[in-house]
Amino acid sequence: MSAENNILLDKSLGFAVRIVKLCNFLQKEKKEHIISKQIIRSGTSIGANANEAAYGVSKADFVSKMQIALKETAETEYWLRLLVMTDYIDKKQGESLIRDCLEIKRILVASLNTAKSKPN
């Protein structure tokens, strides 16, 4: 995976920006600090791990970092669903963030499947 012109890196960075803004909103407007700390860790970790994978030194390193990024998407999706269900964010905002999260998840799964199918 090349770091240049990479849709996964672009999308995960854009998603991280949205997550940071969400956390600012949660903390300032809703006075919510527990979930916001959890989601900022998982939501920004997706792109950080994908970026590390792009510079991995081996196929195993690449796969490991991409699997971590995939696990972080699952955690982030959970926190987003919880925020919607507890009315910290409205359904429209939550669905938009969840859609972005699931799109990143699909890209990660496809990248992992491709990497695993290639011989060393």
C-alpha atoms as a PDB file:
ATOM      1  CA  MET A   1       0.000   0.000   0.000  1.00  0.00           C
ATOM      2  CA  SER A   2       1.446   3.326  -1.011  1.00  0.00           C
ATOM      3  CA  ALA A   3       0.928   6.328   1.240  1.00  0.00           C
ATOM      4  CA  GLU A   4       0.576   8.640  -1.750  1.00  0.00           C
ATOM      5  CA  ASN A   5      -2.917   9.128  -3.193  1.00  0.00           C
ATOM      6  CA  ASN A   6      -4.346   6.572  -0.812  1.00  0.00           C
ATOM      7  CA  ILE A   7      -8.106   6.657  -0.377  1.00  0.00           C
ATOM      8  CA  LEU A   8      -7.972   4.828   2.968  1.00  0.00           C
ATOM      9  CA  LEU A   9      -5.536   7.330   4.447  1.00  0.00           C
ATOM     10  CA  ASP A  10      -7.541  10.269   3.106  1.00  0.00           C
ATOM     11  CA  LYS A  11     -10.852   8.920   4.391  1.00  0.00           C
ATOM     12  CA  SER A  12      -9.491   7.896   7.780  1.00  0.00           C
ATOM     13  CA  LEU A  13      -7.889  11.326   8.271  1.00  0.00           C
ATOM     14  CA  GLY A  14     -11.134  13.072   7.339  1.00  0.00           C
ATOM     15  CA  PHE A  15     -12.999  10.757   9.705  1.00  0.00           C
ATOM     16  CA  ALA A  16     -10.527  11.538  12.510  1.00  0.00           C
ATOM     17  CA  VAL A  17     -11.160  15.263  11.986  1.00  0.00           C
ATOM     18  CA  ARG A  18     -14.913  14.652  12.333  1.00  0.00           C
ATOM     19  CA  ILE A  19     -14.315  12.606  15.497  1.00  0.00           C
ATOM     20  CA  VAL A  20     -12.183  15.362  17.057  1.00  0.00           C
ATOM     21  CA  LYS A  21     -14.914  17.906  16.298  1.00  0.00           C
ATOM     22  CA  LEU A  22     -17.523  15.536  17.733  1.00  0.00           C
ATOM     23  CA  CYS A  23     -15.513  15.191  20.940  1.00  0.00           C
ATOM     24  CA  ASN A  24     -15.157  18.954  21.254  1.00  0.00           C
ATOM     25  CA  PHE A  25     -18.935  19.237  20.886  1.00  0.00           C
ATOM     26  CA  LEU A  26     -19.578  16.481  23.418  1.00  0.00           C
ATOM     27  CA  GLN A  27     -17.281  18.010  25.995  1.00  0.00           C
ATOM     28  CA  LYS A  28     -18.254  21.662  25.536  1.00  0.00           C
ATOM     29  CA  GLU A  29     -21.959  21.428  24.728  1.00  0.00           C
ATOM     30  CA  LYS A  30     -23.052  18.185  26.371  1.00  0.00           C
ATOM     31  CA  LYS A  31     -20.519  18.110  29.235  1.00  0.00           C
ATOM     32  CA  GLU A  32     -19.822  14.471  28.366  1.00  0.00           C
ATOM     33  CA  HIS A  33     -16.237  13.366  29.029  1.00  0.00           C
ATOM     34  CA  ILE A  34     -16.158   9.582  29.460  1.00  0.00           C
ATOM     35  CA  ILE A  35     -17.440   8.374  26.077  1.00  0.00           C
ATOM     36  CA  SER A  36     -15.752  11.256  24.269  1.00  0.00           C
ATOM     37  CA  LYS A  37     -12.366  10.125  25.580  1.00  0.00           C
ATOM     38  CA  GLN A  38     -13.055   6.582  24.399  1.00  0.00           C
ATOM     39  CA  ILE A  39     -14.218   7.561  20.922  1.00  0.00           C
ATOM     40  CA  ILE A  40     -11.393  10.019  20.319  1.00  0.00           C
ATOM     41  CA  ARG A  41      -8.895   7.245  21.026  1.00  0.00           C
ATOM     42  CA  SER A  42     -10.530   4.674  18.771  1.00  0.00           C
ATOM     43  CA  GLY A  43     -11.699   7.072  16.050  1.00  0.00           C
ATOM     44  CA  THR A  44      -8.311   8.690  15.541  1.00  0.00           C
ATOM     45  CA  SER A  45      -6.407   5.418  15.929  1.00  0.00           C
ATOM     46  CA  ILE A  46      -7.921   4.038  12.722  1.00  0.00           C
ATOM     47  CA  GLY A  47      -5.999   6.425  10.498  1.00  0.00           C
ATOM     48  CA  ALA A  48      -2.871   6.340  12.637  1.00  0.00           C
ATOM     49  CA  ASN A  49      -2.641   2.552  12.276  1.00  0.00           C
ATOM     50  CA  ALA A  50      -3.485   2.630   8.559  1.00  0.00           C
ATOM     51  CA  ASN A  51      -0.751   5.216   8.095  1.00  0.00           C
ATOM     52  CA  GLU A  52       1.726   3.045   9.991  1.00  0.00           C
ATOM     53  CA  ALA A  53       0.695   0.083   7.823  1.00  0.00           C
ATOM     54  CA  ALA A  54       1.487   2.088   4.701  1.00  0.00           C
ATOM     55  CA  TYR A  55       5.067   2.285   5.904  1.00  0.00           C
ATOM     56  CA  GLY A  56       5.237  -1.258   7.242  1.00  0.00           C
ATOM     57  CA  VAL A  57       8.518  -3.091   6.891  1.00  0.00           C
ATOM     58  CA  SER A  58       6.925  -6.417   5.994  1.00  0.00           C
ATOM     59  CA  LYS A  59       3.663  -7.999   4.927  1.00  0.00           C
ATOM     60  CA  ALA A  60       3.150  -9.239   8.498  1.00  0.00           C
ATOM     61  CA  ASP A  61       3.690  -5.714   9.836  1.00  0.00           C
ATOM     62  CA  PHE A  62       1.209  -4.326   7.295  1.00  0.00           C
ATOM     63  CA  VAL A  63      -1.428  -6.942   8.145  1.00  0.00           C
ATOM     64  CA  SER A  64      -0.962  -6.445  11.887  1.00  0.00           C
ATOM     65  CA  LYS A  65      -1.458  -2.664  11.710  1.00  0.00           C
ATOM     66  CA  MET A  66      -4.433  -2.995   9.359  1.00  0.00           C
ATOM     67  CA  GLN A  67      -6.068  -5.510  11.718  1.00  0.00           C
ATOM     68  CA  ILE A  68      -5.635  -3.066  14.596  1.00  0.00           C
ATOM     69  CA  ALA A  69      -7.226  -0.330  12.468  1.00  0.00           C
ATOM     70  CA  LEU A  70     -10.119  -2.692  11.695  1.00  0.00           C
ATOM     71  CA  LYS A  71     -10.658  -3.429  15.396  1.00  0.00           C
ATOM     72  CA  GLU A  72     -10.673   0.305  16.085  1.00  0.00           C
ATOM     73  CA  THR A  73     -13.441   0.815  13.499  1.00  0.00           C
ATOM     74  CA  ALA A  74     -15.569  -1.738  15.342  1.00  0.00           C
ATOM     75  CA  GLU A  75     -15.008   0.045  18.652  1.00  0.00           C
ATOM     76  CA  THR A  76     -15.712   3.453  17.127  1.00  0.00           C
ATOM     77  CA  GLU A  77     -18.920   2.176  15.555  1.00  0.00           C
ATOM     78  CA  TYR A  78     -20.011   0.923  18.982  1.00  0.00           C
ATOM     79  CA  TRP A  79     -19.403   4.308  20.639  1.00  0.00           C
ATOM     80  CA  LEU A  80     -21.224   6.116  17.829  1.00  0.00           C
ATOM     81  CA  ARG A  81     -24.251   3.857  18.174  1.00  0.00           C
ATOM     82  CA  LEU A  82     -24.212   4.389  21.930  1.00  0.00           C
ATOM     83  CA  LEU A  83     -24.058   8.179  21.508  1.00  0.00           C
ATOM     84  CA  VAL A  84     -27.110   8.064  19.228  1.00  0.00           C
ATOM     85  CA  MET A  85     -29.052   5.734  21.527  1.00  0.00           C
ATOM     86  CA  THR A  86     -28.367   7.945  24.546  1.00  0.00           C
ATOM     87  CA  ASP A  87     -29.299  11.144  22.655  1.00  0.00           C
ATOM     88  CA  TYR A  88     -25.874  12.738  22.985  1.00  0.00           C
ATOM     89  CA  ILE A  89     -25.915  13.178  19.219  1.00  0.00           C
ATOM     90  CA  ASP A  90     -28.889  13.252  16.892  1.00  0.00           C
ATOM     91  CA  LYS A  91     -29.720  10.325  14.647  1.00  0.00           C
ATOM     92  CA  LYS A  92     -28.807  12.131  11.411  1.00  0.00           C
ATOM     93  CA  GLN A  93     -25.339  13.098  12.656  1.00  0.00           C
ATOM     94  CA  GLY A  94     -24.784   9.635  14.087  1.00  0.00           C
ATOM     95  CA  GLU A  95     -25.845   7.856  10.911  1.00  0.00           C
ATOM     96  CA  SER A  96     -23.505  10.026   8.845  1.00  0.00           C
ATOM     97  CA  LEU A  97     -20.557   9.187  11.096  1.00  0.00           C
ATOM     98  CA  ILE A  98     -21.486   5.492  11.185  1.00  0.00           C
ATOM     99  CA  ARG A  99     -21.701   5.413   7.369  1.00  0.00           C
ATOM    100  CA  ASP A 100     -18.192   6.870   7.139  1.00  0.00           C
ATOM    101  CA  CYS A 101     -16.934   4.385   9.725  1.00  0.00           C
ATOM    102  CA  LEU A 102     -18.459   1.440   7.831  1.00  0.00           C
ATOM    103  CA  GLU A 103     -16.986   2.665   4.545  1.00  0.00           C
ATOM    104  CA  ILE A 104     -13.538   2.740   6.125  1.00  0.00           C
ATOM    105  CA  LYS A 105     -14.194  -0.727   7.557  1.00  0.00           C
ATOM    106  CA  ARG A 106     -15.018  -2.064   4.057  1.00  0.00           C
ATOM    107  CA  ILE A 107     -11.797  -0.592   2.650  1.00  0.00           C
ATOM    108  CA  LEU A 108      -9.785  -2.129   5.486  1.00  0.00           C
ATOM    109  CA  VAL A 109     -11.376  -5.555   4.970  1.00  0.00           C
ATOM    110  CA  ALA A 110     -10.692  -5.404   1.220  1.00  0.00           C
ATOM    111  CA  SER A 111      -7.088  -4.348   1.810  1.00  0.00           C
ATOM    112  CA  LEU A 112      -6.551  -7.115   4.341  1.00  0.00           C
ATOM    113  CA  ASN A 113      -8.088  -9.724   2.045  1.00  0.00           C
ATOM    114  CA  THR A 114      -5.865  -8.602  -0.806  1.00  0.00           C
ATOM    115  CA  ALA A 115      -2.750  -8.595   1.367  1.00  0.00           C
ATOM    116  CA  LYS A 116      -3.483 -12.027   2.804  1.00  0.00           C
ATOM    117  CA  SER A 117      -4.154 -13.530  -0.630  1.00  0.00           C
ATOM    118  CA  LYS A 118      -0.796 -12.432  -2.042  1.00  0.00           C
ATOM    119  CA  PRO A 119       2.183 -14.718  -1.588  1.00  0.00           C
ATOM    120  CA  ASN A 120       5.018 -13.459   0.617  1.00  0.00           C
END
